[in-house]
Amino acid sequence: MEKTSRRKERLDRGVKVRSDTVYAVSSWKEMLFLLAPRGILIIGLLCAPLLVPNLYWQRVICILGVYALLAIGFDFLANFVGLVSLGGALFIGVGGYISGALNHYFGLPPFLTIPIGSIGGAFICTLILLPTLPLRGVYFAIVSFTLPLVADRTICATNVLGGTDGIPGLSMLANTWVNQYSILGMVLLSLFGLRRIVNEDIGVVFRGVKDNDQAIRASGLSVIYYKAVAVFIAALMGCFGGAFLAHLYGWVGVSLLSMDFSVFPLVATVVGGPVTLAGPLLGCIILVPISEMLRAFGELRIVIYSLILVFFVLFWSEGVLNWARRKYEQFEHWVEV
């Protein structure tokens, strides 16, 4: 008797197929299938401040939100535009220093300095990175990674903006609830705003810049212009995080240019799942609490971080969200071959 072999076949669920191009869902069950993941994300984030046990973990939620903004921006630039930016620390530092300086030297309140620091910082960061936009791949990554180091050393050497002491005594936000919901609201706005952008016509152009920039040029469009727009969007999110941190701590200094703000978004994207936008947010939700719980290990937590990153790169490269989405939207069955 001839021996037959079997393999596992993966198929999309019917509701997934119908809703990919046209919304042809026909029941509340199918609508719930589509809305449940988004609803869980939104409700989970909005309820998180109510569930944490103390002020320390409420502050951790704020830090998580800042990292999430950087990680979502990193995923957008790297996987939708083709710019692997390791300059998250530059965005944080510029936004923080602008907001802190406006508050300290001109007495402007946080509800003005944070928007000004976000928008003004995004313009400044875009202008700084503008000469590097023709670069691709590792070359752009290296240049963007060195810029925060240059800014750090310049501030320390020239003693401008408080030098190594920074700018203390900044106005704080009203209370811990304002802190948490302002940053979480910005995370949700950025996430769903970018989701809308990448699914519009400009999102097609961004993907073209990443995959075939010659086709974009042949269409009469400026590749540098669209790269600059993408950098501005990512910088706007990062500068908001920096301006927010300045008034969260009531102080701004060179620690805002720390390499953690450049490296952590990369790790969160790998863990959570690239090319998803929501995956980096999930990566931050996983990694930030782990980081806080590992503080007792000191420098050893860097080793643990490295092992986590190596594990995901070697054995789980699709990331947590891509794996979960595959399980949610598809089913598997055995077929004979």
Protein backbone atom coordinates (compact mmCIF):
# COMPACT_ATOMS: atom_id res chain seq x y z
CA MET A 1 0.00 0.00 0.00
CA GLU A 2 1.34 3.41 -0.95
CA LYS A 3 2.12 5.52 2.05
CA THR A 4 0.63 9.02 2.00
CA SER A 5 2.06 12.03 3.75
CA ARG A 6 0.23 14.96 5.23
CA ARG A 7 1.03 18.60 5.75
CA LYS A 8 -0.66 21.38 7.67
CA GLU A 9 -2.48 23.92 5.51
CA ARG A 10 -3.41 27.40 6.67
CA LEU A 11 -6.53 29.15 5.36
CA ASP A 12 -8.07 32.55 6.04
CA ARG A 13 -11.34 32.63 7.91
CA GLY A 14 -14.33 33.67 5.82
CA VAL A 15 -14.86 36.96 7.64
CA LYS A 16 -11.22 37.85 7.08
CA VAL A 17 -11.51 37.27 3.32
CA ARG A 18 -14.73 39.29 3.03
CA SER A 19 -13.45 42.25 5.00
CA ASP A 20 -10.06 42.59 3.33
CA THR A 21 -11.23 44.65 0.36
CA VAL A 22 -14.92 45.40 0.95
CA TYR A 23 -16.80 45.43 4.21
CA ALA A 24 -19.27 42.64 3.53
CA VAL A 25 -19.79 41.50 7.09
CA SER A 26 -23.36 40.36 7.63
CA SER A 27 -23.83 39.81 11.36
CA TRP A 28 -22.93 41.19 14.77
CA LYS A 29 -20.70 38.17 15.30
CA GLU A 30 -18.61 39.08 12.26
CA MET A 31 -18.49 42.75 13.26
CA LEU A 32 -17.33 41.70 16.71
CA PHE A 33 -14.65 39.54 15.09
CA LEU A 34 -13.24 42.64 13.38
CA LEU A 35 -13.68 45.11 16.24
CA ALA A 36 -12.63 42.95 19.20
CA PRO A 37 -8.82 43.34 18.81
CA ARG A 38 -9.09 47.13 18.49
CA GLY A 39 -11.57 47.31 21.35
CA ILE A 40 -9.35 45.26 23.65
CA LEU A 41 -6.40 47.53 22.87
CA ILE A 42 -8.32 50.77 23.48
CA ILE A 43 -10.13 49.60 26.61
CA GLY A 44 -6.96 48.00 27.99
CA LEU A 45 -4.93 51.20 27.64
CA LEU A 46 -7.66 53.42 29.04
CA CYS A 47 -8.24 51.13 32.02
CA ALA A 48 -4.55 50.59 32.81
CA PRO A 49 -4.22 53.70 35.04
CA LEU A 50 -7.17 52.47 37.11
CA LEU A 51 -5.64 49.04 37.68
CA VAL A 52 -2.03 49.80 38.66
CA PRO A 53 -1.39 49.57 42.40
CA ASN A 54 0.57 52.73 43.22
CA LEU A 55 2.13 55.99 42.04
CA TYR A 56 5.35 54.25 40.97
CA TRP A 57 3.58 52.05 38.43
CA GLN A 58 1.47 54.99 37.27
CA ARG A 59 4.75 56.71 36.43
CA VAL A 60 5.85 53.55 34.59
CA ILE A 61 2.72 53.82 32.43
CA CYS A 62 3.82 57.32 31.43
CA ILE A 63 7.29 56.06 30.48
CA LEU A 64 5.69 53.19 28.56
CA GLY A 65 3.66 55.71 26.56
CA VAL A 66 6.78 57.68 25.61
CA TYR A 67 8.59 54.54 24.46
CA ALA A 68 5.47 53.48 22.56
CA LEU A 69 5.44 56.74 20.59
CA LEU A 70 9.08 56.20 19.63
CA ALA A 71 8.53 52.54 18.74
CA ILE A 72 5.46 53.23 16.57
CA GLY A 73 7.39 55.98 14.78
CA PHE A 74 10.35 53.62 14.29
CA ASP A 75 8.12 50.93 12.76
CA PHE A 76 6.51 53.50 10.47
CA LEU A 77 9.84 54.87 9.20
CA ALA A 78 11.63 51.53 8.91
CA ASN A 79 8.93 49.28 7.49
CA PHE A 80 6.69 51.67 5.56
CA VAL A 81 9.23 54.25 4.30
CA GLY A 82 12.51 52.35 4.38
CA LEU A 83 14.35 54.64 6.81
CA VAL A 84 15.87 52.72 9.73
CA SER A 85 16.08 55.60 12.18
CA LEU A 86 18.01 55.16 15.41
CA GLY A 87 17.59 58.82 16.30
CA GLY A 88 14.77 58.49 18.79
CA ALA A 89 16.94 60.12 21.45
CA LEU A 90 17.33 63.17 19.20
CA PHE A 91 13.54 63.57 18.97
CA ILE A 92 13.15 63.22 22.74
CA GLY A 93 15.99 65.63 23.49
CA VAL A 94 14.96 68.37 21.07
CA GLY A 95 11.31 68.27 22.15
CA GLY A 96 12.26 68.22 25.83
CA TYR A 97 14.76 71.07 25.63
CA ILE A 98 12.45 73.33 23.61
CA SER A 99 9.55 72.78 25.99
CA GLY A 100 11.76 73.14 29.08
CA ALA A 101 13.48 76.30 27.82
CA LEU A 102 10.17 77.97 26.95
CA ASN A 103 8.84 77.22 30.41
CA HIS A 104 12.01 78.16 32.31
CA TYR A 105 13.10 81.30 30.43
CA PHE A 106 9.76 82.66 29.18
CA GLY A 107 7.34 81.35 31.79
CA LEU A 108 5.00 79.68 29.31
CA PRO A 109 2.67 77.04 30.83
CA PRO A 110 2.94 73.35 29.86
CA PHE A 111 -0.26 73.39 27.80
CA LEU A 112 1.58 75.77 25.43
CA THR A 113 5.16 74.54 25.70
CA ILE A 114 4.30 70.90 24.95
CA PRO A 115 2.56 71.62 21.60
CA ILE A 116 5.23 74.18 20.65
CA GLY A 117 8.01 71.79 21.64
CA SER A 118 6.37 68.99 19.65
CA ILE A 119 5.77 70.90 16.42
CA GLY A 120 8.87 73.10 16.62
CA GLY A 121 11.04 70.14 17.59
CA ALA A 122 9.67 68.12 14.65
CA PHE A 123 10.63 70.92 12.24
CA ILE A 124 14.12 71.20 13.74
CA CYS A 125 14.71 67.43 13.67
CA THR A 126 13.50 67.25 10.07
CA LEU A 127 15.89 70.05 9.07
CA ILE A 128 18.78 68.33 10.88
CA LEU A 129 18.07 65.01 9.14
CA LEU A 130 17.29 66.57 5.75
CA PRO A 131 20.87 66.27 4.37
CA THR A 132 20.90 62.56 5.33
CA LEU A 133 17.65 61.59 3.58
CA PRO A 134 19.36 60.47 0.34
CA LEU A 135 21.09 57.78 2.44
CA ARG A 136 19.56 54.33 2.73
CA GLY A 137 19.84 51.30 4.97
CA VAL A 138 22.66 51.11 7.47
CA TYR A 139 24.13 54.48 6.42
CA PHE A 140 21.06 56.43 7.49
CA ALA A 141 20.85 54.33 10.66
CA ILE A 142 24.47 55.14 11.61
CA VAL A 143 24.09 58.88 11.03
CA SER A 144 20.79 59.08 12.93
CA PHE A 145 22.36 57.12 15.81
CA THR A 146 25.32 59.51 16.13
CA LEU A 147 23.31 62.76 16.12
CA PRO A 148 22.08 62.44 19.75
CA LEU A 149 25.68 61.74 20.81
CA VAL A 150 26.81 64.91 19.05
CA ALA A 151 24.06 66.93 20.75
CA ASP A 152 24.92 65.43 24.15
CA ARG A 153 28.63 66.23 23.89
CA THR A 154 27.94 69.72 22.50
CA ILE A 155 25.67 70.65 25.42
CA CYS A 156 28.16 69.31 27.96
CA ALA A 157 31.18 70.98 26.32
CA THR A 158 29.62 74.41 25.76
CA ASN A 159 27.56 74.43 28.97
CA VAL A 160 24.52 75.76 27.11
CA LEU A 161 20.99 75.03 28.33
CA GLY A 162 22.31 74.24 31.80
CA GLY A 163 25.11 71.95 30.62
CA THR A 164 25.36 68.74 32.60
CA ASP A 165 23.07 70.17 35.32
CA GLY A 166 20.20 70.69 32.93
CA ILE A 167 17.26 73.04 33.46
CA PRO A 168 15.51 72.41 36.79
CA GLY A 169 12.32 73.75 38.35
CA LEU A 170 9.98 73.28 35.40
CA SER A 171 6.23 73.39 35.82
CA MET A 172 4.63 70.01 36.38
CA LEU A 173 1.43 68.75 34.83
CA ALA A 174 -1.72 69.02 36.92
CA ASN A 175 -1.81 65.52 38.45
CA THR A 176 -1.02 61.89 37.78
CA TRP A 177 -4.32 61.32 35.92
CA VAL A 178 -3.56 64.12 33.48
CA ASN A 179 -0.06 62.67 33.03
CA GLN A 180 -1.29 59.19 32.19
CA TYR A 181 -4.26 59.97 30.01
CA SER A 182 -2.50 62.69 28.01
CA ILE A 183 0.31 60.34 26.96
CA LEU A 184 -1.99 57.34 26.43
CA GLY A 185 -4.37 59.49 24.39
CA MET A 186 -1.46 60.61 22.22
CA VAL A 187 -0.40 56.98 21.74
CA LEU A 188 -3.89 55.98 20.55
CA LEU A 189 -4.17 59.06 18.32
CA SER A 190 -0.77 58.35 16.76
CA LEU A 191 -1.49 54.66 16.29
CA PHE A 192 -4.84 55.05 14.54
CA GLY A 193 -3.73 58.20 12.70
CA LEU A 194 -0.73 56.40 11.20
CA ARG A 195 -2.92 53.40 10.40
CA ARG A 196 -5.16 55.73 8.39
CA ILE A 197 -2.19 57.40 6.68
CA VAL A 198 -0.55 54.18 5.50
CA ASN A 199 -3.87 52.99 4.03
CA GLU A 200 -4.41 56.22 2.07
CA ASP A 201 -2.81 57.26 -1.23
CA ILE A 202 0.16 58.80 0.54
CA GLY A 203 0.76 55.43 2.18
CA VAL A 204 1.12 53.88 -1.28
CA VAL A 205 3.75 56.52 -2.06
CA PHE A 206 5.57 55.80 1.19
CA ARG A 207 5.71 52.09 0.30
CA GLY A 208 6.95 53.03 -3.15
CA VAL A 209 9.74 55.09 -1.61
CA LYS A 210 10.74 52.02 0.37
CA ASP A 211 10.42 49.38 -2.36
CA ASN A 212 11.09 51.21 -5.63
CA ASP A 213 12.10 54.84 -5.37
CA GLN A 214 12.94 54.92 -9.10
CA ALA A 215 9.26 54.38 -9.86
CA ILE A 216 8.40 57.30 -7.59
CA ARG A 217 10.85 59.55 -9.44
CA ALA A 218 9.49 58.35 -12.79
CA SER A 219 6.03 59.41 -11.61
CA GLY A 220 7.28 62.97 -11.13
CA LEU A 221 7.26 62.82 -7.32
CA SER A 222 10.08 63.89 -5.02
CA VAL A 223 11.47 61.03 -2.96
CA ILE A 224 13.24 63.44 -0.59
CA TYR A 225 10.00 65.36 0.01
CA TYR A 226 8.07 62.26 1.04
CA LYS A 227 10.93 61.05 3.21
CA ALA A 228 10.95 64.46 4.91
CA VAL A 229 7.19 64.23 5.51
CA ALA A 230 7.62 60.79 7.06
CA VAL A 231 10.48 61.97 9.27
CA PHE A 232 8.39 64.96 10.40
CA ILE A 233 5.52 62.66 11.41
CA ALA A 234 7.82 60.35 13.41
CA ALA A 235 9.68 63.31 14.92
CA LEU A 236 6.38 64.95 15.95
CA MET A 237 5.52 61.87 18.01
CA GLY A 238 9.00 61.63 19.53
CA CYS A 239 9.21 65.36 20.33
CA PHE A 240 5.84 65.18 22.06
CA GLY A 241 7.31 62.41 24.22
CA GLY A 242 10.32 64.58 25.08
CA ALA A 243 8.20 67.64 25.88
CA PHE A 244 5.95 65.47 28.01
CA LEU A 245 8.92 64.04 29.94
CA ALA A 246 10.24 67.54 30.65
CA HIS A 247 7.05 68.42 32.54
CA LEU A 248 6.60 64.94 33.97
CA TYR A 249 9.95 65.21 35.78
CA GLY A 250 10.02 68.99 36.16
CA TRP A 251 13.56 68.92 34.77
CA VAL A 252 15.32 68.57 31.44
CA GLY A 253 18.93 67.49 30.86
CA VAL A 254 21.25 65.41 28.74
CA SER A 255 19.67 62.21 30.06
CA LEU A 256 16.89 62.89 27.51
CA LEU A 257 19.53 62.17 24.85
CA SER A 258 20.24 58.74 26.33
CA MET A 259 20.78 55.89 23.87
CA ASP A 260 17.94 53.98 25.55
CA PHE A 261 15.52 56.14 23.56
CA SER A 262 17.22 55.07 20.33
CA VAL A 263 17.70 51.35 21.00
CA PHE A 264 14.53 50.45 22.92
CA PRO A 265 12.14 51.20 20.00
CA LEU A 266 14.11 48.74 17.83
CA VAL A 267 13.85 45.99 20.45
CA ALA A 268 10.14 46.67 21.06
CA THR A 269 9.43 46.46 17.33
CA VAL A 270 11.24 43.13 16.98
CA VAL A 271 9.44 41.66 20.01
CA GLY A 272 5.98 43.05 19.27
CA GLY A 273 6.02 42.46 15.51
CA PRO A 274 7.21 44.70 12.65
CA VAL A 275 5.03 46.17 9.88
CA THR A 276 2.02 46.29 12.21
CA LEU A 277 2.27 49.68 14.01
CA ALA A 278 0.42 48.14 16.96
CA GLY A 279 3.15 45.50 17.39
CA PRO A 280 5.73 47.99 18.75
CA LEU A 281 3.14 49.16 21.27
CA LEU A 282 2.64 45.56 22.38
CA GLY A 283 6.42 45.17 22.58
CA CYS A 284 6.60 48.16 24.93
CA ILE A 285 3.76 46.74 27.06
CA ILE A 286 5.81 43.56 27.42
CA LEU A 287 9.30 45.03 27.84
CA VAL A 288 8.82 48.16 29.97
CA PRO A 289 7.38 46.30 33.02
CA ILE A 290 10.07 43.63 32.60
CA SER A 291 12.70 46.38 32.58
CA GLU A 292 11.32 47.86 35.78
CA MET A 293 11.21 44.48 37.52
CA LEU A 294 14.82 43.82 36.50
CA ARG A 295 16.20 47.05 37.97
CA ALA A 296 17.50 45.10 40.97
CA PHE A 297 19.87 43.24 38.62
CA GLY A 298 21.63 46.46 37.61
CA GLU A 299 23.66 46.18 34.42
CA LEU A 300 22.75 42.50 34.15
CA ARG A 301 19.34 43.46 32.79
CA ILE A 302 21.10 44.55 29.57
CA VAL A 303 22.25 40.94 29.19
CA ILE A 304 18.67 39.75 29.71
CA TYR A 305 17.45 42.26 27.13
CA SER A 306 20.05 40.98 24.68
CA LEU A 307 18.99 37.37 25.22
CA ILE A 308 15.34 38.30 24.64
CA LEU A 309 16.28 40.07 21.41
CA VAL A 310 18.40 37.14 20.19
CA PHE A 311 15.57 34.70 20.97
CA PHE A 312 13.03 36.67 18.95
CA VAL A 313 15.39 37.23 16.02
CA LEU A 314 16.34 33.55 15.80
CA PHE A 315 13.17 31.72 16.81
CA TRP A 316 10.22 34.13 16.65
CA SER A 317 11.11 36.68 13.99
CA GLU A 318 7.48 37.45 13.12
CA GLY A 319 6.91 38.93 16.59
CA VAL A 320 4.11 38.43 19.07
CA LEU A 321 1.40 40.42 17.27
CA ASN A 322 1.97 38.87 13.83
CA TRP A 323 1.81 35.42 15.43
CA ALA A 324 -1.37 36.29 17.33
CA ARG A 325 -2.97 37.81 14.24
CA ARG A 326 -2.21 34.68 12.21
CA LYS A 327 -3.84 32.50 14.86
CA TYR A 328 -6.84 34.83 15.07
CA GLU A 329 -7.48 35.35 11.34
CA GLN A 330 -6.59 31.88 10.03
CA PHE A 331 -7.27 28.25 10.85
CA GLU A 332 -5.11 25.21 10.17
CA HIS A 333 -6.01 21.70 9.02
CA TRP A 334 -4.16 18.66 7.74
CA VAL A 335 -4.26 17.76 4.04
CA GLU A 336 -2.84 14.77 2.21
CA VAL A 337 -0.08 15.36 -0.32
